[in-house]
Amino acid sequence: MWKLVVCLSLLSTQLMAANVELRLPAYSDDSHIYYHELLEQALLEAGHQPVIDIPSANLPQKRAESMLRNGQLSLVWLLASAERDNDPNFTPVKIGLTNGLIGHRLLLVPRSEVDAYRFVNTLEDFQKLNKTGGFGKNWFDVDVWQANQLKTVEVDGEWRRLYKMVANHKRGIDYFSRGFTEIINDSLHHPYLAIEPYLILQYERDFQFYVSNSQPELAAIIEDALKKAEDSGLLDKLIEEYWREDFDLLNYRRRVKIELKTPQ
């Protein structure tokens, strides 16, 4: 009996330590690093051994989503939306990855226009400026902006063209809205733009992982690992490590917070 218990214990340990093979996207602006580390640390903490393959060091987002649908990537982190949640080609893991900080939006603007928003205190004030935001095609942000009577321009193809388009006012775009967790990194990679210093536009939504149906067992494994990461404090710890200094750098607590209506 003792030998049987030992054997079953060893078998359980081996199963828990099984490799979890992941094909993940990476981006030229290093915006993937937090999500890779969260995934790796959560899986390790849950007793798995992640084996990560990166097919390309610089994928356009639309290409990454296409590869997810085709089973060429294991997962992609995207802003949660009903359309994505109901897509039959992948499975959502409905656990927020940034504690909602991705929905706290700050603006990248031309350096000559950093004071254009100084006297904005309400959504109505912002509307009256008649400024136009630039967004990627079919982004959830477009629905949010339009639900709040704010002007938008959508850019098809590689959304990273928007940085230069803002700088040049191409197609009348005045600013590029970015999440709290993104904007410092963006400003370092695009120093010809400035971070607007006065406002935060907030809506209720977060990034979540979308898992390819080519690995049907993966969604449950990752959901379990992320729940454990929430309970253990790992998720909060990594958010703190990655963005603690940004709260001060962005003068977060003193900015005017404008709540946006979030469409369902």
C-alpha atoms as a PDB file:
ATOM      1  CA  MET A   1       0.000   0.000   0.000  1.00  0.00           C
ATOM      2  CA  TRP A   2       2.822   2.410   0.905  1.00  0.00           C
ATOM      3  CA  LYS A   3       4.479   1.770  -2.479  1.00  0.00           C
ATOM      4  CA  LEU A   4       1.170   2.433  -4.239  1.00  0.00           C
ATOM      5  CA  VAL A   5       0.749   5.770  -2.439  1.00  0.00           C
ATOM      6  CA  VAL A   6       4.311   6.778  -3.323  1.00  0.00           C
ATOM      7  CA  CYS A   7       3.791   5.822  -6.973  1.00  0.00           C
ATOM      8  CA  LEU A   8       0.530   7.755  -7.179  1.00  0.00           C
ATOM      9  CA  SER A   9       2.207  10.779  -5.573  1.00  0.00           C
ATOM     10  CA  LEU A  10       5.070  10.635  -8.055  1.00  0.00           C
ATOM     11  CA  LEU A  11       2.634  10.286 -10.961  1.00  0.00           C
ATOM     12  CA  SER A  12       0.651  13.303  -9.724  1.00  0.00           C
ATOM     13  CA  THR A  13       3.862  15.351  -9.478  1.00  0.00           C
ATOM     14  CA  GLN A  14       4.893  14.359 -12.985  1.00  0.00           C
ATOM     15  CA  LEU A  15       1.497  15.355 -14.372  1.00  0.00           C
ATOM     16  CA  MET A  16       1.614  18.711 -12.588  1.00  0.00           C
ATOM     17  CA  ALA A  17       5.114  19.360 -13.913  1.00  0.00           C
ATOM     18  CA  ALA A  18       4.197  18.545 -17.509  1.00  0.00           C
ATOM     19  CA  ASN A  19       5.411  20.983 -20.135  1.00  0.00           C
ATOM     20  CA  VAL A  20       2.941  23.597 -21.365  1.00  0.00           C
ATOM     21  CA  GLU A  21       4.026  24.560 -24.869  1.00  0.00           C
ATOM     22  CA  LEU A  22       3.201  28.118 -25.896  1.00  0.00           C
ATOM     23  CA  ARG A  23       3.673  30.007 -29.146  1.00  0.00           C
ATOM     24  CA  LEU A  24       3.461  33.683 -28.237  1.00  0.00           C
ATOM     25  CA  PRO A  25       3.576  36.979 -30.166  1.00  0.00           C
ATOM     26  CA  ALA A  26       6.254  39.585 -29.530  1.00  0.00           C
ATOM     27  CA  TYR A  27       6.315  43.241 -30.573  1.00  0.00           C
ATOM     28  CA  SER A  28       9.072  45.681 -31.503  1.00  0.00           C
ATOM     29  CA  ASP A  29       8.096  48.095 -28.709  1.00  0.00           C
ATOM     30  CA  ASP A  30       8.574  45.391 -26.023  1.00  0.00           C
ATOM     31  CA  SER A  31       4.933  45.698 -24.963  1.00  0.00           C
ATOM     32  CA  HIS A  32       4.761  41.896 -24.743  1.00  0.00           C
ATOM     33  CA  ILE A  33       7.256  41.497 -21.900  1.00  0.00           C
ATOM     34  CA  TYR A  34       4.834  41.897 -18.974  1.00  0.00           C
ATOM     35  CA  TYR A  35       2.313  39.457 -20.472  1.00  0.00           C
ATOM     36  CA  HIS A  36       4.999  36.866 -21.172  1.00  0.00           C
ATOM     37  CA  GLU A  37       6.305  37.122 -17.607  1.00  0.00           C
ATOM     38  CA  LEU A  38       2.834  36.993 -16.048  1.00  0.00           C
ATOM     39  CA  LEU A  39       2.018  33.884 -18.049  1.00  0.00           C
ATOM     40  CA  GLU A  40       5.317  32.185 -17.300  1.00  0.00           C
ATOM     41  CA  GLN A  41       5.307  32.977 -13.566  1.00  0.00           C
ATOM     42  CA  ALA A  42       1.633  32.015 -13.137  1.00  0.00           C
ATOM     43  CA  LEU A  43       2.164  28.660 -14.840  1.00  0.00           C
ATOM     44  CA  LEU A  44       5.287  27.937 -12.800  1.00  0.00           C
ATOM     45  CA  GLU A  45       3.484  28.855  -9.577  1.00  0.00           C
ATOM     46  CA  ALA A  46       0.649  26.489 -10.554  1.00  0.00           C
ATOM     47  CA  GLY A  47       3.119  23.631 -10.988  1.00  0.00           C
ATOM     48  CA  HIS A  48       3.530  23.645 -14.772  1.00  0.00           C
ATOM     49  CA  GLN A  49       6.659  24.005 -16.872  1.00  0.00           C
ATOM     50  CA  PRO A  50       6.095  26.590 -19.650  1.00  0.00           C
ATOM     51  CA  VAL A  51       8.032  26.129 -22.876  1.00  0.00           C
ATOM     52  CA  ILE A  52       7.786  29.359 -24.864  1.00  0.00           C
ATOM     53  CA  ASP A  53       8.379  29.718 -28.594  1.00  0.00           C
ATOM     54  CA  ILE A  54       8.283  33.124 -30.288  1.00  0.00           C
ATOM     55  CA  PRO A  55       7.670  32.692 -34.053  1.00  0.00           C
ATOM     56  CA  SER A  56       8.525  36.328 -34.837  1.00  0.00           C
ATOM     57  CA  ALA A  57      10.142  39.118 -32.842  1.00  0.00           C
ATOM     58  CA  ASN A  58       7.888  41.759 -34.420  1.00  0.00           C
ATOM     59  CA  LEU A  59       4.325  40.866 -35.349  1.00  0.00           C
ATOM     60  CA  PRO A  60       1.740  43.425 -36.412  1.00  0.00           C
ATOM     61  CA  GLN A  61      -1.303  43.009 -34.155  1.00  0.00           C
ATOM     62  CA  LYS A  62      -3.677  42.117 -36.991  1.00  0.00           C
ATOM     63  CA  ARG A  63      -1.216  39.450 -38.127  1.00  0.00           C
ATOM     64  CA  ALA A  64      -1.064  38.098 -34.558  1.00  0.00           C
ATOM     65  CA  GLU A  65      -4.864  37.858 -34.428  1.00  0.00           C
ATOM     66  CA  SER A  66      -4.899  36.095 -37.800  1.00  0.00           C
ATOM     67  CA  MET A  67      -2.254  33.633 -36.585  1.00  0.00           C
ATOM     68  CA  LEU A  68      -4.334  33.002 -33.451  1.00  0.00           C
ATOM     69  CA  ARG A  69      -7.368  32.142 -35.565  1.00  0.00           C
ATOM     70  CA  ASN A  70      -5.239  29.817 -37.710  1.00  0.00           C
ATOM     71  CA  GLY A  71      -3.718  28.060 -34.719  1.00  0.00           C
ATOM     72  CA  GLN A  72      -0.230  29.435 -35.380  1.00  0.00           C
ATOM     73  CA  LEU A  73      -0.173  31.164 -31.979  1.00  0.00           C
ATOM     74  CA  SER A  74      -1.307  29.720 -28.658  1.00  0.00           C
ATOM     75  CA  LEU A  75      -2.814  32.943 -27.369  1.00  0.00           C
ATOM     76  CA  VAL A  76      -2.919  36.719 -27.697  1.00  0.00           C
ATOM     77  CA  TRP A  77      -3.831  39.339 -25.076  1.00  0.00           C
ATOM     78  CA  LEU A  78      -6.528  41.708 -26.336  1.00  0.00           C
ATOM     79  CA  LEU A  79      -9.033  44.135 -24.915  1.00  0.00           C
ATOM     80  CA  ALA A  80     -12.102  42.151 -23.899  1.00  0.00           C
ATOM     81  CA  SER A  81     -15.147  42.587 -26.123  1.00  0.00           C
ATOM     82  CA  ALA A  82     -18.372  40.690 -26.795  1.00  0.00           C
ATOM     83  CA  GLU A  83     -17.325  40.179 -30.413  1.00  0.00           C
ATOM     84  CA  ARG A  84     -14.041  38.561 -29.416  1.00  0.00           C
ATOM     85  CA  ASP A  85     -15.617  36.572 -26.593  1.00  0.00           C
ATOM     86  CA  ASN A  86     -18.047  35.035 -29.107  1.00  0.00           C
ATOM     87  CA  ASP A  87     -15.496  34.332 -31.849  1.00  0.00           C
ATOM     88  CA  PRO A  88     -15.625  30.553 -32.540  1.00  0.00           C
ATOM     89  CA  ASN A  89     -11.909  30.422 -33.380  1.00  0.00           C
ATOM     90  CA  PHE A  90     -10.599  31.005 -29.866  1.00  0.00           C
ATOM     91  CA  THR A  91     -11.571  30.851 -26.203  1.00  0.00           C
ATOM     92  CA  PRO A  92     -11.494  33.840 -23.819  1.00  0.00           C
ATOM     93  CA  VAL A  93      -9.908  33.482 -20.401  1.00  0.00           C
ATOM     94  CA  LYS A  94     -12.068  35.983 -18.531  1.00  0.00           C
ATOM     95  CA  ILE A  95      -9.546  37.258 -16.019  1.00  0.00           C
ATOM     96  CA  GLY A  96      -8.328  40.850 -16.271  1.00  0.00           C
ATOM     97  CA  LEU A  97      -4.586  41.201 -16.746  1.00  0.00           C
ATOM     98  CA  THR A  98      -3.921  44.814 -15.650  1.00  0.00           C
ATOM     99  CA  ASN A  99      -6.445  45.431 -12.838  1.00  0.00           C
ATOM    100  CA  GLY A 100      -8.294  47.673 -15.293  1.00  0.00           C
ATOM    101  CA  LEU A 101      -5.352  50.044 -15.833  1.00  0.00           C
ATOM    102  CA  ILE A 102      -5.436  49.509 -19.594  1.00  0.00           C
ATOM    103  CA  GLY A 103      -8.832  51.279 -19.537  1.00  0.00           C
ATOM    104  CA  HIS A 104      -7.293  54.379 -17.938  1.00  0.00           C
ATOM    105  CA  ARG A 105      -6.432  56.255 -21.114  1.00  0.00           C
ATOM    106  CA  LEU A 106      -3.906  59.060 -21.501  1.00  0.00           C
ATOM    107  CA  LEU A 107      -3.166  60.964 -24.687  1.00  0.00           C
ATOM    108  CA  LEU A 108      -0.109  61.167 -26.894  1.00  0.00           C
ATOM    109  CA  VAL A 109      -0.123  64.532 -28.658  1.00  0.00           C
ATOM    110  CA  PRO A 110       2.243  66.673 -30.770  1.00  0.00           C
ATOM    111  CA  ARG A 111       4.746  68.432 -28.522  1.00  0.00           C
ATOM    112  CA  SER A 112       3.401  71.821 -29.572  1.00  0.00           C
ATOM    113  CA  GLU A 113      -0.059  70.956 -28.185  1.00  0.00           C
ATOM    114  CA  VAL A 114       0.600  69.793 -24.637  1.00  0.00           C
ATOM    115  CA  ASP A 115      -1.401  72.684 -23.175  1.00  0.00           C
ATOM    116  CA  ALA A 116      -4.417  72.379 -25.467  1.00  0.00           C
ATOM    117  CA  TYR A 117      -6.325  70.380 -22.836  1.00  0.00           C
ATOM    118  CA  ARG A 118      -5.350  72.432 -19.766  1.00  0.00           C
ATOM    119  CA  PHE A 119      -8.841  73.732 -18.913  1.00  0.00           C
ATOM    120  CA  VAL A 120     -10.771  70.497 -19.493  1.00  0.00           C
ATOM    121  CA  ASN A 121     -12.625  69.363 -16.355  1.00  0.00           C
ATOM    122  CA  THR A 122     -15.581  67.389 -17.725  1.00  0.00           C
ATOM    123  CA  LEU A 123     -16.528  65.205 -20.661  1.00  0.00           C
ATOM    124  CA  GLU A 124     -18.497  68.141 -22.066  1.00  0.00           C
ATOM    125  CA  ASP A 125     -15.358  70.293 -21.956  1.00  0.00           C
ATOM    126  CA  PHE A 126     -13.465  67.614 -23.842  1.00  0.00           C
ATOM    127  CA  GLN A 127     -16.231  67.314 -26.450  1.00  0.00           C
ATOM    128  CA  LYS A 128     -16.170  71.073 -27.042  1.00  0.00           C
ATOM    129  CA  LEU A 129     -12.486  70.940 -28.016  1.00  0.00           C
ATOM    130  CA  ASN A 130     -13.631  69.080 -31.152  1.00  0.00           C
ATOM    131  CA  LYS A 131     -10.410  67.055 -31.204  1.00  0.00           C
ATOM    132  CA  THR A 132     -10.127  63.811 -33.178  1.00  0.00           C
ATOM    133  CA  GLY A 133      -8.613  60.630 -31.772  1.00  0.00           C
ATOM    134  CA  GLY A 134      -6.865  58.051 -33.933  1.00  0.00           C
ATOM    135  CA  PHE A 135      -7.485  54.322 -33.415  1.00  0.00           C
ATOM    136  CA  GLY A 136      -6.837  50.979 -35.041  1.00  0.00           C
ATOM    137  CA  LYS A 137      -9.579  49.505 -37.195  1.00  0.00           C
ATOM    138  CA  ASN A 138     -12.441  47.982 -35.167  1.00  0.00           C
ATOM    139  CA  TRP A 139     -10.832  48.716 -31.799  1.00  0.00           C
ATOM    140  CA  PHE A 140     -13.206  48.645 -28.840  1.00  0.00           C
ATOM    141  CA  ASP A 141     -11.983  52.158 -28.039  1.00  0.00           C
ATOM    142  CA  VAL A 142     -13.793  53.386 -31.157  1.00  0.00           C
ATOM    143  CA  ASP A 143     -17.102  52.154 -29.699  1.00  0.00           C
ATOM    144  CA  VAL A 144     -16.294  53.876 -26.406  1.00  0.00           C
ATOM    145  CA  TRP A 145     -15.365  57.186 -28.034  1.00  0.00           C
ATOM    146  CA  GLN A 146     -18.427  57.183 -30.280  1.00  0.00           C
ATOM    147  CA  ALA A 147     -20.719  56.291 -27.356  1.00  0.00           C
ATOM    148  CA  ASN A 148     -19.391  59.421 -25.668  1.00  0.00           C
ATOM    149  CA  GLN A 149     -19.852  61.674 -28.755  1.00  0.00           C
ATOM    150  CA  LEU A 150     -16.119  62.001 -29.401  1.00  0.00           C
ATOM    151  CA  LYS A 151     -14.612  62.202 -32.886  1.00  0.00           C
ATOM    152  CA  THR A 152     -12.620  59.252 -34.211  1.00  0.00           C
ATOM    153  CA  VAL A 153     -10.586  58.154 -37.211  1.00  0.00           C
ATOM    154  CA  GLU A 154      -9.868  54.444 -37.717  1.00  0.00           C
ATOM    155  CA  VAL A 155      -6.643  53.299 -39.376  1.00  0.00           C
ATOM    156  CA  ASP A 156      -6.647  49.931 -41.123  1.00  0.00           C
ATOM    157  CA  GLY A 157      -3.545  47.757 -41.323  1.00  0.00           C
ATOM    158  CA  GLU A 158      -0.641  48.323 -38.930  1.00  0.00           C
ATOM    159  CA  TRP A 159      -1.975  50.541 -36.133  1.00  0.00           C
ATOM    160  CA  ARG A 160       1.536  51.651 -35.118  1.00  0.00           C
ATOM    161  CA  ARG A 161       1.413  54.099 -38.044  1.00  0.00           C
ATOM    162  CA  LEU A 162      -0.723  56.243 -35.744  1.00  0.00           C
ATOM    163  CA  TYR A 163       2.269  57.699 -33.901  1.00  0.00           C
ATOM    164  CA  LYS A 164       3.561  59.468 -37.022  1.00  0.00           C
ATOM    165  CA  MET A 165       0.025  60.327 -38.101  1.00  0.00           C
ATOM    166  CA  VAL A 166      -0.556  62.197 -34.837  1.00  0.00           C
ATOM    167  CA  ALA A 167       2.752  64.031 -35.166  1.00  0.00           C
ATOM    168  CA  ASN A 168       1.833  65.132 -38.708  1.00  0.00           C
ATOM    169  CA  HIS A 169      -1.918  65.648 -38.074  1.00  0.00           C
ATOM    170  CA  LYS A 170      -2.506  63.250 -40.935  1.00  0.00           C
ATOM    171  CA  ARG A 171      -6.229  62.703 -41.627  1.00  0.00           C
ATOM    172  CA  GLY A 172      -6.924  65.352 -38.989  1.00  0.00           C
ATOM    173  CA  ILE A 173      -5.861  63.133 -36.069  1.00  0.00           C
ATOM    174  CA  ASP A 174      -5.047  65.218 -32.979  1.00  0.00           C
ATOM    175  CA  TYR A 175      -4.132  62.555 -30.417  1.00  0.00           C
ATOM    176  CA  PHE A 176      -3.608  58.856 -29.800  1.00  0.00           C
ATOM    177  CA  SER A 177      -5.257  57.415 -26.674  1.00  0.00           C
ATOM    178  CA  ARG A 178      -3.081  54.874 -24.842  1.00  0.00           C
ATOM    179  CA  GLY A 179      -3.540  52.823 -21.701  1.00  0.00           C
ATOM    180  CA  PHE A 180      -1.799  53.722 -18.449  1.00  0.00           C
ATOM    181  CA  THR A 181       0.304  50.563 -18.772  1.00  0.00           C
ATOM    182  CA  GLU A 182       1.418  51.486 -22.300  1.00  0.00           C
ATOM    183  CA  ILE A 183       2.047  55.195 -22.498  1.00  0.00           C
ATOM    184  CA  ILE A 184       5.455  55.571 -20.812  1.00  0.00           C
ATOM    185  CA  ASN A 185       6.922  52.866 -23.028  1.00  0.00           C
ATOM    186  CA  ASP A 186       5.278  54.476 -26.061  1.00  0.00           C
ATOM    187  CA  SER A 187       6.757  57.885 -25.263  1.00  0.00           C
ATOM    188  CA  LEU A 188      10.245  56.384 -24.978  1.00  0.00           C
ATOM    189  CA  HIS A 189       9.917  54.789 -28.409  1.00  0.00           C
ATOM    190  CA  HIS A 190       8.335  57.899 -29.968  1.00  0.00           C
ATOM    191  CA  PRO A 191      10.035  60.915 -28.345  1.00  0.00           C
ATOM    192  CA  TYR A 192       8.668  63.307 -30.981  1.00  0.00           C
ATOM    193  CA  LEU A 193       5.282  62.997 -29.209  1.00  0.00           C
ATOM    194  CA  ALA A 194       4.408  64.251 -25.728  1.00  0.00           C
ATOM    195  CA  ILE A 195       2.172  62.809 -23.017  1.00  0.00           C
ATOM    196  CA  GLU A 196      -0.727  65.197 -22.424  1.00  0.00           C
ATOM    197  CA  PRO A 197      -0.228  66.208 -18.757  1.00  0.00           C
ATOM    198  CA  TYR A 198      -3.709  66.920 -17.364  1.00  0.00           C
ATOM    199  CA  LEU A 199      -6.273  64.221 -18.168  1.00  0.00           C
ATOM    200  CA  ILE A 200      -7.215  60.572 -17.802  1.00  0.00           C
ATOM    201  CA  LEU A 201     -10.216  59.249 -19.734  1.00  0.00           C
ATOM    202  CA  GLN A 202     -11.473  56.090 -18.021  1.00  0.00           C
ATOM    203  CA  TYR A 203     -13.670  53.233 -19.139  1.00  0.00           C
ATOM    204  CA  GLU A 204     -14.360  49.835 -17.562  1.00  0.00           C
ATOM    205  CA  ARG A 205     -12.549  47.140 -19.518  1.00  0.00           C
ATOM    206  CA  ASP A 206      -9.344  45.122 -19.348  1.00  0.00           C
ATOM    207  CA  PHE A 207      -7.045  42.964 -21.411  1.00  0.00           C
ATOM    208  CA  GLN A 208      -7.578  39.226 -21.237  1.00  0.00           C
ATOM    209  CA  PHE A 209      -5.982  36.235 -22.893  1.00  0.00           C
ATOM    210  CA  TYR A 210      -7.658  34.688 -25.929  1.00  0.00           C
ATOM    211  CA  VAL A 211      -6.534  31.096 -26.428  1.00  0.00           C
ATOM    212  CA  SER A 212      -6.406  29.281 -29.766  1.00  0.00           C
ATOM    213  CA  ASN A 213      -8.810  26.379 -30.180  1.00  0.00           C
ATOM    214  CA  SER A 214      -5.892  24.428 -31.677  1.00  0.00           C
ATOM    215  CA  GLN A 215      -4.835  23.785 -28.055  1.00  0.00           C
ATOM    216  CA  PRO A 216      -8.210  23.060 -26.413  1.00  0.00           C
ATOM    217  CA  GLU A 217      -6.708  22.054 -23.076  1.00  0.00           C
ATOM    218  CA  LEU A 218      -4.798  25.321 -22.698  1.00  0.00           C
ATOM    219  CA  ALA A 219      -7.642  27.680 -21.720  1.00  0.00           C
ATOM    220  CA  ALA A 220      -8.488  25.720 -18.560  1.00  0.00           C
ATOM    221  CA  ILE A 221      -4.808  25.453 -17.568  1.00  0.00           C
ATOM    222  CA  ILE A 222      -4.238  29.196 -17.978  1.00  0.00           C
ATOM    223  CA  GLU A 223      -7.493  30.151 -16.239  1.00  0.00           C
ATOM    224  CA  ASP A 224      -6.534  28.008 -13.253  1.00  0.00           C
ATOM    225  CA  ALA A 225      -3.007  29.475 -13.186  1.00  0.00           C
ATOM    226  CA  LEU A 226      -4.291  33.074 -13.348  1.00  0.00           C
ATOM    227  CA  LYS A 227      -6.822  32.473 -10.569  1.00  0.00           C
ATOM    228  CA  LYS A 228      -3.990  31.160  -8.422  1.00  0.00           C
ATOM    229  CA  ALA A 229      -1.906  34.213  -9.400  1.00  0.00           C
ATOM    230  CA  GLU A 230      -4.725  36.489  -8.218  1.00  0.00           C
ATOM    231  CA  ASP A 231      -5.091  34.615  -4.934  1.00  0.00           C
ATOM    232  CA  SER A 232      -1.347  34.494  -4.225  1.00  0.00           C
ATOM    233  CA  GLY A 233      -0.799  38.168  -5.020  1.00  0.00           C
ATOM    234  CA  LEU A 234       1.457  37.403  -7.996  1.00  0.00           C
ATOM    235  CA  LEU A 235      -0.693  39.459 -10.382  1.00  0.00           C
ATOM    236  CA  ASP A 236      -0.634  42.510  -8.114  1.00  0.00           C
ATOM    237  CA  LYS A 237       3.086  42.048  -7.472  1.00  0.00           C
ATOM    238  CA  LEU A 238       3.972  42.073 -11.179  1.00  0.00           C
ATOM    239  CA  ILE A 239       1.739  45.087 -11.872  1.00  0.00           C
ATOM    240  CA  GLU A 240       3.495  46.888  -9.028  1.00  0.00           C
ATOM    241  CA  GLU A 241       6.945  45.916 -10.346  1.00  0.00           C
ATOM    242  CA  TYR A 242       6.216  47.029 -13.895  1.00  0.00           C
ATOM    243  CA  TRP A 243       4.281  50.247 -13.285  1.00  0.00           C
ATOM    244  CA  ARG A 244       4.888  51.504  -9.722  1.00  0.00           C
ATOM    245  CA  GLU A 245       7.045  54.442 -10.882  1.00  0.00           C
ATOM    246  CA  ASP A 246       4.601  55.387 -13.636  1.00  0.00           C
ATOM    247  CA  PHE A 247       2.032  56.652 -11.123  1.00  0.00           C
ATOM    248  CA  ASP A 248       4.482  59.371 -10.088  1.00  0.00           C
ATOM    249  CA  LEU A 249       5.941  59.990 -13.547  1.00  0.00           C
ATOM    250  CA  LEU A 250       2.468  60.541 -14.970  1.00  0.00           C
ATOM    251  CA  ASN A 251       1.232  62.588 -11.984  1.00  0.00           C
ATOM    252  CA  TYR A 252      -1.627  60.092 -11.951  1.00  0.00           C
ATOM    253  CA  ARG A 253      -3.333  61.101  -8.716  1.00  0.00           C
ATOM    254  CA  ARG A 254      -3.566  64.788  -9.618  1.00  0.00           C
ATOM    255  CA  ARG A 255      -4.941  64.395 -13.120  1.00  0.00           C
ATOM    256  CA  VAL A 256      -8.551  65.182 -13.975  1.00  0.00           C
ATOM    257  CA  LYS A 257     -10.407  61.866 -14.258  1.00  0.00           C
ATOM    258  CA  ILE A 258     -13.142  61.800 -16.896  1.00  0.00           C
ATOM    259  CA  GLU A 259     -15.415  58.763 -16.721  1.00  0.00           C
ATOM    260  CA  LEU A 260     -16.530  57.489 -20.108  1.00  0.00           C
ATOM    261  CA  LYS A 261     -19.677  55.478 -20.687  1.00  0.00           C
ATOM    262  CA  THR A 262     -18.647  51.901 -21.551  1.00  0.00           C
ATOM    263  CA  PRO A 263     -20.802  50.216 -24.206  1.00  0.00           C
ATOM    264  CA  GLN A 264     -21.675  46.572 -23.652  1.00  0.00           C
END
